[in-house]
Amino acid sequence: MHPSELQVKWRLTNSQLAAALGKSEETIKAYKADKKARSYRNVPESVRILCKLLDSNWQQNGKAEIYLCA
C-alpha cells in the first residue's frame, strides 16, 4: 500500500503519517511528489509493507491509533 493511500483512507495529516511511519514530513512529501520533480522519492518496499500492516491493524481496531514514545 502506498503511503498516500493510507493517508487518504484514514484521513491523516502529513505529520501524523510521518509519525506512524517513522519518517520526516519532508520524506512523506517526497513520496507524494510528481515523479518528474527533483524532490520525488521511490517508496521502499519496507514502507509499503508497514502501511499495509498499519491499515490492517487499524481496520481491526476501527480507528487509526498513533502512539508517540519519548
N, C-alpha and C. Protein backbone atom coordinates (compact mmCIF):
# COMPACT_ATOMS: atom_id res chain seq x y z
N MET A 1 0.84 -1.17 0.00
CA MET A 1 0.00 0.00 0.00
C MET A 1 0.89 1.24 0.00
N HIS A 2 0.59 2.18 -0.85
CA HIS A 2 1.34 3.43 -0.92
C HIS A 2 0.96 4.33 0.26
N PRO A 3 1.90 5.06 0.82
CA PRO A 3 1.60 5.93 1.97
C PRO A 3 0.46 6.92 1.70
N SER A 4 0.36 7.43 0.48
CA SER A 4 -0.73 8.37 0.19
C SER A 4 -2.09 7.69 0.24
N GLU A 5 -2.16 6.41 -0.11
CA GLU A 5 -3.42 5.66 0.00
C GLU A 5 -3.83 5.53 1.47
N LEU A 6 -2.85 5.21 2.32
CA LEU A 6 -3.12 5.10 3.76
C LEU A 6 -3.58 6.44 4.31
N GLN A 7 -2.93 7.51 3.87
CA GLN A 7 -3.25 8.86 4.35
C GLN A 7 -4.69 9.24 3.99
N VAL A 8 -5.08 8.98 2.76
CA VAL A 8 -6.43 9.32 2.31
C VAL A 8 -7.46 8.46 3.04
N LYS A 9 -7.20 7.16 3.11
CA LYS A 9 -8.16 6.23 3.72
C LYS A 9 -8.45 6.57 5.18
N TRP A 10 -7.40 6.94 5.93
CA TRP A 10 -7.56 7.20 7.36
C TRP A 10 -7.57 8.69 7.70
N ARG A 11 -7.60 9.54 6.68
CA ARG A 11 -7.65 10.99 6.86
C ARG A 11 -6.55 11.51 7.80
N LEU A 12 -5.31 11.15 7.47
CA LEU A 12 -4.17 11.55 8.27
C LEU A 12 -3.52 12.80 7.69
N THR A 13 -2.94 13.61 8.56
CA THR A 13 -2.14 14.74 8.10
C THR A 13 -0.75 14.22 7.74
N ASN A 14 0.04 15.05 7.10
CA ASN A 14 1.41 14.65 6.78
C ASN A 14 2.20 14.34 8.04
N SER A 15 1.99 15.14 9.09
CA SER A 15 2.73 14.91 10.34
C SER A 15 2.29 13.62 11.02
N GLN A 16 1.01 13.29 10.97
CA GLN A 16 0.53 12.04 11.56
C GLN A 16 1.08 10.84 10.79
N LEU A 17 1.07 10.93 9.47
CA LEU A 17 1.59 9.84 8.65
C LEU A 17 3.10 9.67 8.88
N ALA A 18 3.81 10.78 8.97
CA ALA A 18 5.25 10.73 9.24
C ALA A 18 5.53 10.06 10.57
N ALA A 19 4.76 10.40 11.59
CA ALA A 19 4.95 9.79 12.91
C ALA A 19 4.65 8.29 12.87
N ALA A 20 3.59 7.90 12.18
CA ALA A 20 3.22 6.50 12.10
C ALA A 20 4.27 5.67 11.38
N LEU A 21 4.93 6.27 10.37
CA LEU A 21 5.91 5.54 9.58
C LEU A 21 7.35 5.74 10.06
N GLY A 22 7.53 6.64 11.01
CA GLY A 22 8.88 6.91 11.50
C GLY A 22 9.73 7.65 10.47
N LYS A 23 9.09 8.50 9.69
CA LYS A 23 9.77 9.27 8.65
C LYS A 23 9.56 10.76 8.92
N SER A 24 10.30 11.60 8.21
CA SER A 24 10.10 13.04 8.34
C SER A 24 8.95 13.49 7.44
N GLU A 25 8.41 14.67 7.72
CA GLU A 25 7.35 15.20 6.87
C GLU A 25 7.86 15.45 5.46
N GLU A 26 9.13 15.84 5.34
CA GLU A 26 9.73 16.08 4.03
C GLU A 26 9.77 14.78 3.21
N THR A 27 10.07 13.67 3.87
CA THR A 27 10.09 12.38 3.17
C THR A 27 8.69 12.01 2.69
N ILE A 28 7.68 12.25 3.53
CA ILE A 28 6.30 11.98 3.15
C ILE A 28 5.92 12.81 1.92
N LYS A 29 6.29 14.08 1.93
CA LYS A 29 6.00 14.94 0.77
C LYS A 29 6.73 14.44 -0.47
N ALA A 30 7.96 13.95 -0.31
CA ALA A 30 8.73 13.44 -1.44
C ALA A 30 8.09 12.18 -2.02
N TYR A 31 7.50 11.34 -1.17
CA TYR A 31 6.79 10.15 -1.65
C TYR A 31 5.59 10.54 -2.52
N LYS A 32 4.97 11.68 -2.21
CA LYS A 32 3.76 12.10 -2.91
C LYS A 32 4.05 13.05 -4.07
N ALA A 33 5.29 13.47 -4.24
CA ALA A 33 5.64 14.43 -5.29
C ALA A 33 5.51 13.79 -6.67
N ASP A 34 5.39 14.64 -7.68
CA ASP A 34 5.35 14.18 -9.06
C ASP A 34 6.67 13.47 -9.39
N LYS A 35 6.59 12.40 -10.14
CA LYS A 35 7.79 11.60 -10.43
C LYS A 35 8.87 12.39 -11.16
N LYS A 36 8.50 13.47 -11.80
CA LYS A 36 9.48 14.28 -12.52
C LYS A 36 10.12 15.34 -11.62
N ALA A 37 9.57 15.52 -10.44
CA ALA A 37 10.10 16.54 -9.52
C ALA A 37 11.44 16.10 -8.94
N ARG A 38 12.30 17.05 -8.67
CA ARG A 38 13.61 16.74 -8.08
C ARG A 38 13.48 16.12 -6.70
N SER A 39 12.43 16.49 -5.99
CA SER A 39 12.26 16.00 -4.61
C SER A 39 11.62 14.61 -4.54
N TYR A 40 11.18 14.06 -5.67
CA TYR A 40 10.50 12.76 -5.67
C TYR A 40 11.40 11.65 -5.13
N ARG A 41 10.78 10.77 -4.33
CA ARG A 41 11.48 9.57 -3.84
C ARG A 41 10.60 8.35 -4.08
N ASN A 42 11.22 7.26 -4.51
CA ASN A 42 10.51 5.99 -4.59
C ASN A 42 10.20 5.51 -3.18
N VAL A 43 9.04 4.91 -3.02
CA VAL A 43 8.66 4.38 -1.72
C VAL A 43 9.29 3.00 -1.57
N PRO A 44 10.13 2.80 -0.54
CA PRO A 44 10.74 1.48 -0.34
C PRO A 44 9.68 0.42 -0.02
N GLU A 45 9.97 -0.80 -0.37
CA GLU A 45 9.05 -1.91 -0.11
C GLU A 45 8.75 -2.03 1.38
N SER A 46 9.73 -1.76 2.23
CA SER A 46 9.52 -1.85 3.68
C SER A 46 8.45 -0.86 4.15
N VAL A 47 8.40 0.31 3.55
CA VAL A 47 7.39 1.31 3.92
C VAL A 47 6.01 0.87 3.41
N ARG A 48 5.97 0.29 2.22
CA ARG A 48 4.70 -0.21 1.69
C ARG A 48 4.14 -1.33 2.59
N ILE A 49 5.02 -2.20 3.06
CA ILE A 49 4.61 -3.29 3.95
C ILE A 49 4.10 -2.72 5.27
N LEU A 50 4.81 -1.74 5.82
CA LEU A 50 4.38 -1.10 7.07
C LEU A 50 3.02 -0.44 6.90
N CYS A 51 2.79 0.21 5.78
CA CYS A 51 1.49 0.83 5.52
C CYS A 51 0.38 -0.22 5.50
N LYS A 52 0.66 -1.34 4.87
CA LYS A 52 -0.32 -2.43 4.80
C LYS A 52 -0.62 -2.99 6.20
N LEU A 53 0.43 -3.15 7.01
CA LEU A 53 0.25 -3.65 8.37
C LEU A 53 -0.53 -2.66 9.23
N LEU A 54 -0.20 -1.38 9.11
CA LEU A 54 -0.94 -0.36 9.87
C LEU A 54 -2.41 -0.36 9.47
N ASP A 55 -2.68 -0.42 8.17
CA ASP A 55 -4.05 -0.44 7.69
C ASP A 55 -4.81 -1.63 8.25
N SER A 56 -4.20 -2.79 8.23
CA SER A 56 -4.83 -4.00 8.74
C SER A 56 -5.13 -3.87 10.24
N ASN A 57 -4.14 -3.37 10.98
CA ASN A 57 -4.31 -3.20 12.43
C ASN A 57 -5.39 -2.18 12.74
N TRP A 58 -5.39 -1.07 12.02
CA TRP A 58 -6.39 -0.03 12.26
C TRP A 58 -7.79 -0.49 11.86
N GLN A 59 -7.90 -1.32 10.84
CA GLN A 59 -9.21 -1.85 10.47
C GLN A 59 -9.76 -2.73 11.59
N GLN A 60 -8.90 -3.53 12.20
CA GLN A 60 -9.34 -4.39 13.30
C GLN A 60 -9.79 -3.56 14.50
N ASN A 61 -9.09 -2.46 14.76
CA ASN A 61 -9.43 -1.60 15.91
C ASN A 61 -10.53 -0.61 15.59
N GLY A 62 -10.78 -0.38 14.32
CA GLY A 62 -11.82 0.56 13.92
C GLY A 62 -11.39 2.01 13.92
N LYS A 63 -10.12 2.28 14.22
CA LYS A 63 -9.63 3.66 14.19
C LYS A 63 -8.11 3.65 14.08
N ALA A 64 -7.60 4.77 13.58
CA ALA A 64 -6.14 4.92 13.44
C ALA A 64 -5.58 5.41 14.77
N GLU A 65 -4.76 4.59 15.38
CA GLU A 65 -4.13 4.97 16.65
C GLU A 65 -2.63 5.08 16.44
N ILE A 66 -2.11 6.25 16.79
CA ILE A 66 -0.68 6.51 16.66
C ILE A 66 -0.16 6.88 18.04
N TYR A 67 0.80 6.11 18.52
CA TYR A 67 1.39 6.37 19.82
C TYR A 67 2.80 6.92 19.65
N LEU A 68 3.09 7.98 20.36
CA LEU A 68 4.42 8.57 20.32
C LEU A 68 5.15 8.24 21.61
N CYS A 69 6.39 7.81 21.49
CA CYS A 69 7.20 7.48 22.66
C CYS A 69 8.41 8.42 22.70
N ALA A 70 8.74 8.85 23.88
CA ALA A 70 9.89 9.75 24.04
C ALA A 70 11.13 8.96 24.39
